[in-house]
Amino acid sequence: MVKIKRIYEAREPNDGYRILVDRLWPRGVLKKEAHVDLWMKEVTPSTELRKWFNHEPEKWAAFSKAYIAELKQTGAVKELITIIRKQKKVTLLYAAKDEEHTHALVLLAYIKPLLT
């Protein structure tokens, strides 16, 4: 089971293995209190794509397409899949305020078919 969650939400027992999937460490979150098992910057949008998107919903479709193209080019997705398969439960953590337009949604949708 894989799910996504904002890192600012409280840790729960059913989170399982927690992977931060943001390129930058979230503001106001202390590393010792974040309960992050792994930080995978390599599966996040490139700095250029992230800055271009700038969390502007009108760019969402183009951002998603570009991000998927980046995911297809990185070997880090295979590493992420391997890690997920070794765990019973995995929570992908992100920091964005906008829960409808976050790269974590694109990442989750991209990897789910690869897990079967």
Protein backbone atom coordinates (compact mmCIF):
# COMPACT_ATOMS: atom_id res chain seq x y z
CA MET A 1 0.00 0.00 0.00
CA VAL A 2 1.34 3.40 -1.01
CA LYS A 3 -0.21 6.73 -0.13
CA ILE A 4 0.77 10.39 -0.05
CA LYS A 5 0.56 12.83 2.80
CA ARG A 6 1.72 16.31 3.73
CA ILE A 7 4.75 16.18 5.98
CA TYR A 8 3.07 18.71 8.26
CA GLU A 9 0.41 16.16 9.21
CA ALA A 10 1.05 14.08 12.31
CA ARG A 11 2.78 10.74 11.91
CA GLU A 12 0.42 7.81 12.26
CA PRO A 13 1.17 4.12 12.82
CA ASN A 14 -0.39 3.21 9.46
CA ASP A 15 2.07 5.50 7.63
CA GLY A 16 4.58 2.69 7.57
CA TYR A 17 7.86 3.57 5.84
CA ARG A 18 7.95 7.33 5.28
CA ILE A 19 9.73 8.74 2.22
CA LEU A 20 10.14 12.48 1.69
CA VAL A 21 9.74 13.22 -2.02
CA ASP A 22 10.61 16.92 -2.04
CA ARG A 23 13.84 18.37 -3.41
CA LEU A 24 14.04 20.93 -0.59
CA TRP A 25 13.68 20.18 3.10
CA PRO A 26 10.25 21.48 4.28
CA ARG A 27 10.24 24.77 6.15
CA GLY A 28 9.70 24.60 9.87
CA VAL A 29 10.18 20.83 10.09
CA LEU A 30 12.99 19.59 12.27
CA LYS A 31 14.73 16.54 10.83
CA LYS A 32 14.76 14.76 14.18
CA GLU A 33 10.98 15.23 14.53
CA ALA A 34 9.96 14.52 10.93
CA HIS A 35 10.09 10.72 11.25
CA VAL A 36 11.39 10.42 7.69
CA ASP A 37 12.91 7.05 6.88
CA LEU A 38 14.31 8.14 3.52
CA TRP A 39 14.67 11.40 1.59
CA MET A 40 14.51 10.79 -2.17
CA LYS A 41 15.31 14.05 -3.93
CA GLU A 42 16.04 12.08 -7.10
CA VAL A 43 12.35 11.38 -7.84
CA THR A 44 11.29 15.01 -7.57
CA PRO A 45 10.80 17.49 -10.39
CA SER A 46 13.96 19.20 -11.57
CA THR A 47 14.70 22.60 -10.09
CA GLU A 48 13.93 24.22 -13.44
CA LEU A 49 10.55 22.50 -13.76
CA ARG A 50 9.65 23.19 -10.14
CA LYS A 51 10.46 26.90 -10.49
CA TRP A 52 8.61 27.15 -13.80
CA PHE A 53 5.47 25.52 -12.35
CA ASN A 54 5.56 27.75 -9.26
CA HIS A 55 2.40 26.01 -7.96
CA GLU A 56 0.26 27.76 -10.59
CA PRO A 57 -2.80 25.55 -11.22
CA GLU A 58 -3.18 26.77 -14.81
CA LYS A 59 0.20 25.13 -15.57
CA TRP A 60 -0.81 21.80 -13.98
CA ALA A 61 -1.39 19.79 -17.17
CA ALA A 62 1.86 20.92 -18.77
CA PHE A 63 3.75 20.41 -15.51
CA SER A 64 2.40 16.88 -15.08
CA LYS A 65 3.39 15.93 -18.62
CA ALA A 66 6.90 17.37 -18.22
CA TYR A 67 7.36 15.72 -14.83
CA ILE A 68 6.33 12.31 -16.18
CA ALA A 69 8.89 12.78 -18.96
CA GLU A 70 11.53 13.44 -16.28
CA LEU A 71 10.44 10.37 -14.29
CA LYS A 72 10.87 8.20 -17.37
CA GLN A 73 14.48 9.37 -17.67
CA THR A 74 15.59 8.71 -14.09
CA GLY A 75 16.76 5.42 -12.66
CA ALA A 76 15.64 6.60 -9.24
CA VAL A 77 12.09 5.42 -9.98
CA LYS A 78 13.35 1.84 -10.15
CA GLU A 79 15.07 2.34 -6.80
CA LEU A 80 11.84 3.74 -5.33
CA ILE A 81 9.84 0.77 -6.65
CA THR A 82 12.35 -1.64 -5.10
CA ILE A 83 12.09 0.12 -1.75
CA ILE A 84 8.29 0.15 -1.84
CA ARG A 85 8.13 -3.56 -2.66
CA LYS A 86 10.18 -4.33 0.46
CA GLN A 87 7.72 -2.50 2.73
CA LYS A 88 4.14 -3.34 3.67
CA LYS A 89 3.08 0.29 3.88
CA VAL A 90 4.73 3.38 2.40
CA THR A 91 3.80 7.03 2.73
CA LEU A 92 5.26 9.51 0.27
CA LEU A 93 5.63 12.84 2.04
CA TYR A 94 5.48 16.27 0.43
CA ALA A 95 5.27 19.84 1.72
CA ALA A 96 3.15 21.73 -0.84
CA LYS A 97 0.09 23.52 0.51
CA ASP A 98 -1.98 22.78 -2.59
CA GLU A 99 -3.02 19.16 -2.17
CA GLU A 100 -4.64 19.00 -5.62
CA HIS A 101 -1.65 20.26 -7.61
CA THR A 102 1.36 18.55 -6.08
CA HIS A 103 4.02 16.53 -7.81
CA ALA A 104 3.39 13.76 -5.26
CA LEU A 105 0.07 13.02 -6.97
CA VAL A 106 1.80 12.68 -10.33
CA LEU A 107 4.52 10.49 -8.82
CA LEU A 108 1.98 8.22 -7.12
CA ALA A 109 -0.06 7.84 -10.32
CA TYR A 110 3.11 7.08 -12.27
CA ILE A 111 4.47 4.40 -9.94
CA LYS A 112 1.22 2.58 -9.07
CA PRO A 113 1.05 0.62 -12.36
CA LEU A 114 4.74 -0.26 -11.98
CA LEU A 115 4.06 -1.92 -8.64
CA THR A 116 1.78 -4.60 -10.02
